[in-house]
């Protein structure tokens, strides 16, 4: 007999990827320009030229280095380069020993859930949240506890989070900038959260972690600043991916930071190494590790996303849609024109608009619209959005 849980996960693909696959098929039928695919967070901005140069440079190195195994935790020079970059940016004093190189944020998160969680433990997520969190938490034998964000601005509800903490709480997952809303959690709220977690640690005599999921850290707009969590709360693990910042989603490269300011951090780092071993996430792709070593301080190209954000938010609000202005990432959170977001997304498909309903993100009545697309896709989609609005107004 096969594993029934794994069968269920495989036979019920994620709503995002299912819609993306539908879009690919639809484009083949009627032409790419006739389908307005806002389904998946696949960066439209090309990888920086520095990445191409780095790949070519690495390929000139001895093949045994380029394509051979690195240590399970990553190449020492790469880990040192990542730590040094964090130190320059955040005035920290990390070393390569604090870094575990991974196959992107998915691997980073899975490793962390397994490293600190024991069967029956609870991980708090703030809804709406990236739906795979629940899959990875439950696969670690733990329970996913959803705490709604504030509905007026989709920021953290600290009081609700504190009320949800029990003796079984092992961690809270913080995703800032947030997928799917684009919220950035301000430092004052993170300080308040840290104090709440310390109170609960003292009350229960437990250790409660923050797992900071940060693949969109560099993608912010205007004067918005993304606070770095480890200096605010000592028991923080950082999960990072270069998928968004360097437009490398298919290359699967990232890292886990276990800060040396965490009490007994070596103990936690060994658990990270053990979880990576148990899950098979050892030796992230060597070629990409050495590329990251050369590009670790390469800035993100946010200008194109900012232009798309302005066009989409401005266009939809002008048409009468209710939207949450994103502070970061590249998603627009739009209220559906009926309570059933799934039904509204199906109605949108009739206009060749591919929008992800909010159900899989843990809330009802909204849609995620990914604007990491060609600018022309946004401009050309506005008549379809207008027709969809008229359709509902005349019902």
Protein backbone atom coordinates (compact mmCIF):
# COMPACT_ATOMS: atom_id res chain seq x y z
CA UNK A 1 0.00 0.00 0.00
CA UNK A 2 1.20 3.50 -0.80
CA UNK A 3 1.19 6.34 1.72
CA UNK A 4 -2.39 7.62 1.63
CA UNK A 5 -1.46 11.10 2.81
CA UNK A 6 1.13 11.47 0.04
CA UNK A 7 -1.40 10.20 -2.50
CA UNK A 8 -3.89 12.85 -1.37
CA UNK A 9 -1.30 15.60 -1.67
CA UNK A 10 -0.29 14.43 -5.13
CA UNK A 11 -3.81 13.98 -6.46
CA UNK A 12 -4.94 17.38 -5.16
CA UNK A 13 -2.35 19.83 -6.53
CA UNK A 14 -2.09 23.35 -5.19
CA UNK A 15 -4.71 25.80 -6.43
CA UNK A 16 -1.96 28.14 -7.64
CA UNK A 17 -0.11 25.60 -9.75
CA UNK A 18 -3.34 24.10 -11.04
CA UNK A 19 -4.45 27.52 -12.29
CA UNK A 20 -0.98 28.11 -13.75
CA UNK A 21 -1.21 24.82 -15.67
CA UNK A 22 -4.66 25.79 -16.92
CA UNK A 23 -3.21 29.09 -18.13
CA UNK A 24 -0.42 27.36 -20.02
CA UNK A 25 -2.94 25.15 -21.81
CA UNK A 26 -5.25 28.07 -22.51
CA UNK A 27 -2.41 30.12 -24.02
CA UNK A 28 -1.61 27.26 -26.36
CA UNK A 29 -5.25 27.26 -27.48
CA UNK A 30 -5.97 30.95 -28.04
CA UNK A 31 -2.59 32.68 -27.93
CA UNK A 32 -0.49 34.00 -25.06
CA UNK A 33 -1.59 37.62 -25.57
CA UNK A 34 -5.23 36.66 -25.10
CA UNK A 35 -4.81 35.16 -21.63
CA UNK A 36 -4.21 37.40 -18.60
CA UNK A 37 -2.38 35.05 -16.27
CA UNK A 38 -1.95 36.49 -12.78
CA UNK A 39 -1.71 33.09 -11.10
CA UNK A 40 1.86 32.38 -10.05
CA UNK A 41 4.74 34.31 -8.51
CA UNK A 42 7.13 33.63 -11.37
CA UNK A 43 9.36 36.74 -11.67
CA UNK A 44 9.10 38.49 -15.03
CA UNK A 45 12.22 40.58 -14.39
CA UNK A 46 15.26 38.86 -15.93
CA UNK A 47 18.05 37.71 -13.66
CA UNK A 48 20.77 40.37 -13.35
CA UNK A 49 23.56 40.30 -15.90
CA UNK A 50 25.90 39.66 -12.99
CA UNK A 51 24.27 36.24 -12.52
CA UNK A 52 25.03 35.28 -16.12
CA UNK A 53 28.62 36.45 -15.73
CA UNK A 54 28.93 34.49 -12.49
CA UNK A 55 27.60 31.31 -14.10
CA UNK A 56 30.11 31.62 -16.94
CA UNK A 57 32.90 32.34 -14.47
CA UNK A 58 32.04 29.34 -12.28
CA UNK A 59 31.86 27.09 -15.34
CA UNK A 60 35.53 27.91 -16.01
CA UNK A 61 36.50 26.34 -12.69
CA UNK A 62 37.53 22.67 -12.43
CA UNK A 63 34.53 20.40 -13.12
CA UNK A 64 35.07 18.52 -9.88
CA UNK A 65 34.46 21.78 -8.02
CA UNK A 66 31.59 23.03 -10.17
CA UNK A 67 29.65 19.78 -10.26
CA UNK A 68 31.03 17.93 -7.25
CA UNK A 69 29.51 17.66 -3.81
CA UNK A 70 29.98 20.40 -1.27
CA UNK A 71 29.70 19.66 2.46
CA UNK A 72 26.09 18.96 3.45
CA UNK A 73 25.67 22.43 5.00
CA UNK A 74 27.12 24.15 1.92
CA UNK A 75 30.52 25.23 0.64
CA UNK A 76 32.46 27.02 3.42
CA UNK A 77 33.35 29.99 1.20
CA UNK A 78 29.69 30.43 0.17
CA UNK A 79 28.43 30.27 3.75
CA UNK A 80 31.07 32.81 4.78
CA UNK A 81 30.06 35.13 1.92
CA UNK A 82 26.37 35.00 2.90
CA UNK A 83 27.23 35.71 6.55
CA UNK A 84 29.47 38.61 5.58
CA UNK A 85 26.71 40.10 3.44
CA UNK A 86 24.24 39.94 6.32
CA UNK A 87 26.82 41.56 8.60
CA UNK A 88 27.31 44.46 6.17
CA UNK A 89 23.58 45.02 5.80
CA UNK A 90 22.35 44.51 9.36
CA UNK A 91 25.37 45.28 11.56
CA UNK A 92 25.56 41.72 12.86
CA UNK A 93 28.52 39.42 13.55
CA UNK A 94 27.55 36.14 11.93
CA UNK A 95 29.98 33.56 10.61
CA UNK A 96 29.71 30.90 7.95
CA UNK A 97 28.92 28.43 10.73
CA UNK A 98 25.55 30.17 11.17
CA UNK A 99 24.48 29.48 7.58
CA UNK A 100 22.96 26.31 6.10
CA UNK A 101 22.63 26.45 2.31
CA UNK A 102 19.36 25.01 0.97
CA UNK A 103 17.32 24.29 -2.16
CA UNK A 104 15.26 27.47 -1.76
CA UNK A 105 12.76 28.65 0.84
CA UNK A 106 10.60 25.52 0.61
CA UNK A 107 13.52 23.39 1.76
CA UNK A 108 14.48 26.00 4.37
CA UNK A 109 11.02 26.02 5.91
CA UNK A 110 10.58 22.25 5.81
CA UNK A 111 13.93 21.81 7.53
CA UNK A 112 13.08 24.34 10.24
CA UNK A 113 9.68 22.81 10.98
CA UNK A 114 11.31 19.41 11.39
CA UNK A 115 14.33 20.75 13.28
CA UNK A 116 12.42 22.43 16.11
CA UNK A 117 9.07 20.63 16.02
CA UNK A 118 8.16 17.41 17.76
CA UNK A 119 5.01 15.43 16.91
CA UNK A 120 1.98 17.23 18.30
CA UNK A 121 3.66 20.63 18.53
CA UNK A 122 1.87 23.70 17.18
CA UNK A 123 3.07 26.26 14.64
CA UNK A 124 1.13 29.52 14.39
CA UNK A 125 0.61 31.06 10.95
CA UNK A 126 -1.00 34.42 10.23
CA UNK A 127 -3.87 34.11 7.76
CA UNK A 128 -3.91 34.77 4.90
CA UNK A 129 -0.74 32.72 4.49
CA UNK A 130 1.18 30.78 1.83
CA UNK A 131 -0.78 27.50 1.68
CA UNK A 132 2.23 25.18 1.61
CA UNK A 133 3.04 26.16 5.21
CA UNK A 134 0.28 23.84 6.37
CA UNK A 135 1.54 20.97 4.20
CA UNK A 136 5.09 21.25 5.55
CA UNK A 137 3.99 21.70 9.17
CA UNK A 138 1.69 18.70 9.07
CA UNK A 139 4.33 16.61 7.31
CA UNK A 140 6.54 17.27 10.35
CA UNK A 141 3.80 15.70 12.49
CA UNK A 142 2.76 19.05 13.91
CA UNK A 143 -0.40 21.16 13.90
CA UNK A 144 -0.95 24.36 11.91
CA UNK A 145 -2.77 27.00 13.98
CA UNK A 146 -4.27 29.84 11.96
CA UNK A 147 -4.53 33.28 13.55
CA UNK A 148 -6.25 35.89 11.35
CA UNK A 149 -4.47 39.12 10.56
CA UNK A 150 -6.29 42.37 11.29
CA UNK A 151 -8.92 42.70 8.59
CA UNK A 152 -8.63 46.48 8.24
CA UNK A 153 -4.97 46.48 7.19
CA UNK A 154 -3.86 42.81 7.25
CA UNK A 155 -1.18 43.49 9.83
CA UNK A 156 -0.46 41.19 12.77
CA UNK A 157 -3.04 40.98 15.54
CA UNK A 158 -0.62 40.61 18.45
CA UNK A 159 -3.33 40.10 21.06
CA UNK A 160 -4.89 37.27 19.02
CA UNK A 161 -1.48 35.67 18.51
CA UNK A 162 -0.73 35.77 22.23
CA UNK A 163 -4.13 34.27 23.01
CA UNK A 164 -3.42 31.40 20.59
CA UNK A 165 -0.14 30.41 22.25
CA UNK A 166 -0.29 27.23 24.34
CA UNK A 167 2.32 25.03 26.03
CA UNK A 168 2.48 23.13 22.72
CA UNK A 169 3.36 26.21 20.64
CA UNK A 170 6.77 25.74 19.08
CA UNK A 171 6.97 28.68 16.67
CA UNK A 172 5.18 31.42 14.79
CA UNK A 173 5.84 31.89 11.08
CA UNK A 174 6.43 35.50 10.02
CA UNK A 175 6.31 36.27 6.29
CA UNK A 176 7.23 39.91 5.64
CA UNK A 177 6.80 41.18 2.97
CA UNK A 178 3.80 38.95 2.94
CA UNK A 179 2.52 36.55 0.32
CA UNK A 180 -0.36 37.01 -0.59
CA UNK A 181 -1.17 40.52 0.69
CA UNK A 182 2.13 42.40 0.40
CA UNK A 183 2.05 43.62 4.01
CA UNK A 184 5.31 44.55 5.73
CA UNK A 185 5.31 44.17 9.51
CA UNK A 186 6.66 47.34 11.20
CA UNK A 187 9.36 47.18 13.83
CA UNK A 188 7.00 48.37 16.59
CA UNK A 189 4.71 45.38 15.98
CA UNK A 190 7.64 42.97 15.89
CA UNK A 191 8.88 44.35 19.21
CA UNK A 192 5.39 43.90 20.67
CA UNK A 193 5.28 40.34 19.31
CA UNK A 194 8.72 39.57 20.77
CA UNK A 195 7.61 40.76 24.19
CA UNK A 196 4.46 38.64 23.96
CA UNK A 197 6.51 35.56 23.06
CA UNK A 198 8.87 36.17 25.98
CA UNK A 199 5.92 36.43 28.37
CA UNK A 200 4.56 33.13 27.11
CA UNK A 201 7.98 31.46 27.33
CA UNK A 202 8.21 32.54 30.96
CA UNK A 203 4.64 31.42 31.67
CA UNK A 204 5.01 27.95 30.14
CA UNK A 205 8.73 27.36 30.64
CA UNK A 206 9.14 26.62 26.92
CA UNK A 207 11.12 27.95 23.97
CA UNK A 208 9.06 29.62 21.25
CA UNK A 209 10.74 30.37 17.93
CA UNK A 210 10.02 32.87 15.20
CA UNK A 211 10.56 31.41 11.74
CA UNK A 212 11.05 34.39 9.45
CA UNK A 213 10.23 33.49 5.84
CA UNK A 214 11.89 36.26 3.79
CA UNK A 215 12.06 35.56 0.05
CA UNK A 216 10.61 39.01 -0.71
CA UNK A 217 12.81 40.98 1.70
CA UNK A 218 14.32 43.19 -1.03
CA UNK A 219 11.11 43.80 -2.97
CA UNK A 220 9.55 46.81 -1.27
CA UNK A 221 8.20 50.16 -2.47
CA UNK A 222 8.73 53.78 -1.53
CA UNK A 223 10.32 54.33 1.86
CA UNK A 224 9.13 51.04 3.34
CA UNK A 225 11.78 49.26 5.41
CA UNK A 226 11.71 45.56 6.25
CA UNK A 227 12.97 45.09 9.83
CA UNK A 228 15.50 42.31 10.33
CA UNK A 229 13.98 40.06 12.97
CA UNK A 230 16.94 38.39 14.80
CA UNK A 231 18.06 41.57 16.63
CA UNK A 232 14.46 42.05 17.81
CA UNK A 233 13.81 38.49 19.00
CA UNK A 234 16.60 36.14 19.98
CA UNK A 235 14.94 32.82 19.09
CA UNK A 236 14.60 33.58 15.36
CA UNK A 237 15.42 31.34 12.41
CA UNK A 238 15.59 33.08 9.02
CA UNK A 239 14.60 31.24 5.84
CA UNK A 240 15.72 32.94 2.66
CA UNK A 241 15.55 32.26 -1.07
CA UNK A 242 17.11 34.01 -4.06
CA UNK A 243 14.11 33.02 -6.22
CA UNK A 244 12.56 36.48 -6.11
CA UNK A 245 15.45 38.84 -5.39
CA UNK A 246 17.59 37.50 -8.25
CA UNK A 247 14.75 36.09 -10.39
CA UNK A 248 15.96 32.50 -10.01
CA UNK A 249 12.82 30.56 -8.98
CA UNK A 250 13.69 27.48 -10.98
CA UNK A 251 17.23 27.21 -9.63
CA UNK A 252 16.19 26.46 -6.03
CA UNK A 253 18.88 28.12 -3.96
CA UNK A 254 18.59 29.73 -0.54
CA UNK A 255 19.74 29.41 3.06
CA UNK A 256 18.80 29.14 6.71
CA UNK A 257 20.32 31.55 9.21
CA UNK A 258 20.70 30.25 12.77
CA UNK A 259 21.93 33.42 14.50
CA UNK A 260 24.79 33.17 16.98
CA UNK A 261 22.75 35.45 19.26
CA UNK A 262 20.24 32.62 19.80
CA UNK A 263 20.76 30.89 23.16
CA UNK A 264 22.55 27.59 22.58
CA UNK A 265 22.48 28.21 18.83
CA UNK A 266 24.86 25.34 18.05
CA UNK A 267 22.28 22.90 19.43
CA UNK A 268 19.63 24.33 17.09
CA UNK A 269 22.03 24.38 14.15
CA UNK A 270 22.77 20.68 14.65
CA UNK A 271 19.01 20.02 14.60
CA UNK A 272 18.82 21.94 11.30
CA UNK A 273 21.61 19.76 9.92
CA UNK A 274 19.82 16.65 11.13
CA UNK A 275 16.51 17.69 9.59
CA UNK A 276 18.25 18.44 6.29
CA UNK A 277 19.79 14.96 6.41
CA UNK A 278 16.49 13.25 7.25
CA UNK A 279 14.60 15.09 4.51
CA UNK A 280 17.33 14.60 1.91
CA UNK A 281 18.02 18.34 1.62
CA UNK A 282 21.80 18.11 1.74
CA UNK A 283 24.36 19.76 -0.53
CA UNK A 284 22.39 22.47 -2.31
CA UNK A 285 23.29 22.71 -6.04
CA UNK A 286 27.02 23.40 -6.18
CA UNK A 287 26.96 25.57 -9.29
CA UNK A 288 24.30 27.84 -7.82
CA UNK A 289 26.08 28.06 -4.48
CA UNK A 290 29.17 29.45 -6.18
CA UNK A 291 27.03 31.82 -8.25
CA UNK A 292 25.48 33.19 -5.07
CA UNK A 293 28.95 33.64 -3.58
CA UNK A 294 29.72 36.02 -6.45
CA UNK A 295 26.30 37.74 -6.46
CA UNK A 296 25.49 37.87 -2.77
CA UNK A 297 25.22 41.68 -2.72
CA UNK A 298 23.57 42.07 -6.14
CA UNK A 299 20.56 44.42 -5.78
CA UNK A 300 17.05 43.48 -6.85
CA UNK A 301 15.41 45.21 -9.80
CA UNK A 302 12.29 46.58 -8.10
CA UNK A 303 11.49 49.30 -10.65
CA UNK A 304 9.55 47.04 -13.02
CA UNK A 305 7.45 45.64 -10.17
CA UNK A 306 6.79 49.15 -8.87
CA UNK A 307 5.54 50.19 -12.31
CA UNK A 308 3.27 47.13 -12.48
CA UNK A 309 2.01 47.74 -8.96
CA UNK A 310 1.02 51.29 -9.81
CA UNK A 311 -0.71 50.24 -13.02
CA UNK A 312 -2.66 47.35 -11.47
CA UNK A 313 -3.63 49.01 -8.20
CA UNK A 314 -4.52 52.27 -9.92
CA UNK A 315 -6.41 50.57 -12.73
CA UNK A 316 -8.48 48.27 -10.52
CA UNK A 317 -9.34 50.86 -7.88
CA UNK A 318 -10.43 53.23 -10.65
CA UNK A 319 -12.78 50.52 -11.90
CA UNK A 320 -14.27 50.18 -8.42
CA UNK A 321 -12.43 47.13 -7.06
CA UNK A 322 -11.42 47.13 -3.39
CA UNK A 323 -7.68 46.45 -3.11
CA UNK A 324 -5.05 46.47 -0.36
CA UNK A 325 -2.08 48.61 -1.45
CA UNK A 326 0.94 46.28 -1.22
CA UNK A 327 4.00 47.54 0.62
CA UNK A 328 6.19 44.77 -0.76
CA UNK A 329 6.35 41.51 -2.76
CA UNK A 330 4.47 41.45 -6.09
CA UNK A 331 0.90 40.49 -5.29
CA UNK A 332 -2.29 42.56 -5.12
CA UNK A 333 -4.99 41.47 -2.66
CA UNK A 334 -8.37 42.19 -4.25
CA UNK A 335 -11.82 41.69 -2.72
CA UNK A 336 -14.02 39.38 -4.79
CA UNK A 337 -17.30 40.81 -6.06
CA UNK A 338 -19.21 38.05 -4.29
CA UNK A 339 -18.63 36.16 -1.02
CA UNK A 340 -17.51 32.99 -2.79
CA UNK A 341 -14.00 33.75 -4.06
CA UNK A 342 -13.79 30.43 -5.90
CA UNK A 343 -16.98 31.19 -7.84
CA UNK A 344 -15.72 34.67 -8.64
CA UNK A 345 -12.40 33.27 -9.90
CA UNK A 346 -14.35 30.91 -12.16
CA UNK A 347 -16.38 33.85 -13.50
CA UNK A 348 -13.14 35.71 -14.16
CA UNK A 349 -11.85 32.80 -16.26
CA UNK A 350 -14.66 33.47 -18.75
CA UNK A 351 -12.90 36.79 -19.38
CA UNK A 352 -9.49 35.02 -19.60
CA UNK A 353 -8.50 36.48 -16.23
CA UNK A 354 -6.62 33.95 -14.10
CA UNK A 355 -6.89 35.01 -10.45
CA UNK A 356 -6.12 32.87 -7.40
CA UNK A 357 -9.05 32.64 -4.94
CA UNK A 358 -8.24 33.26 -1.29
CA UNK A 359 -9.66 29.98 0.02
CA UNK A 360 -6.32 28.19 -0.10
CA UNK A 361 -4.71 31.10 1.78
CA UNK A 362 -6.98 30.52 4.77
CA UNK A 363 -9.56 33.30 4.25
CA UNK A 364 -12.74 33.81 2.26
CA UNK A 365 -13.80 36.48 -0.21
CA UNK A 366 -10.52 37.73 -1.71
CA UNK A 367 -8.19 37.03 -4.63
CA UNK A 368 -4.45 37.16 -5.11
CA UNK A 369 -3.38 38.86 -8.33
CA UNK A 370 0.31 38.32 -9.12
CA UNK A 371 1.74 41.31 -10.95
CA UNK A 372 5.20 39.92 -11.71
CA UNK A 373 4.08 39.80 -15.33
CA UNK A 374 4.77 41.80 -18.47
CA UNK A 375 3.52 45.38 -18.08
CA UNK A 376 1.48 44.97 -21.27
CA UNK A 377 -0.44 42.11 -19.64
CA UNK A 378 -1.69 44.48 -16.95
CA UNK A 379 -2.56 47.27 -19.39
CA UNK A 380 -4.32 44.92 -21.79
CA UNK A 381 -6.26 43.19 -19.00
CA UNK A 382 -8.10 46.32 -17.88
CA UNK A 383 -10.99 45.96 -20.39
CA UNK A 384 -11.51 42.39 -19.16
CA UNK A 385 -11.57 43.56 -15.53
CA UNK A 386 -14.02 46.31 -16.53
CA UNK A 387 -16.31 43.83 -18.28
CA UNK A 388 -16.19 41.52 -15.24
CA UNK A 389 -17.20 44.43 -13.01
CA UNK A 390 -20.10 45.35 -15.35
CA UNK A 391 -21.23 41.72 -15.36
CA UNK A 392 -21.59 41.76 -11.57
CA UNK A 393 -23.16 45.21 -11.47
CA UNK A 394 -25.93 44.10 -13.82
CA UNK A 395 -26.68 40.80 -12.09
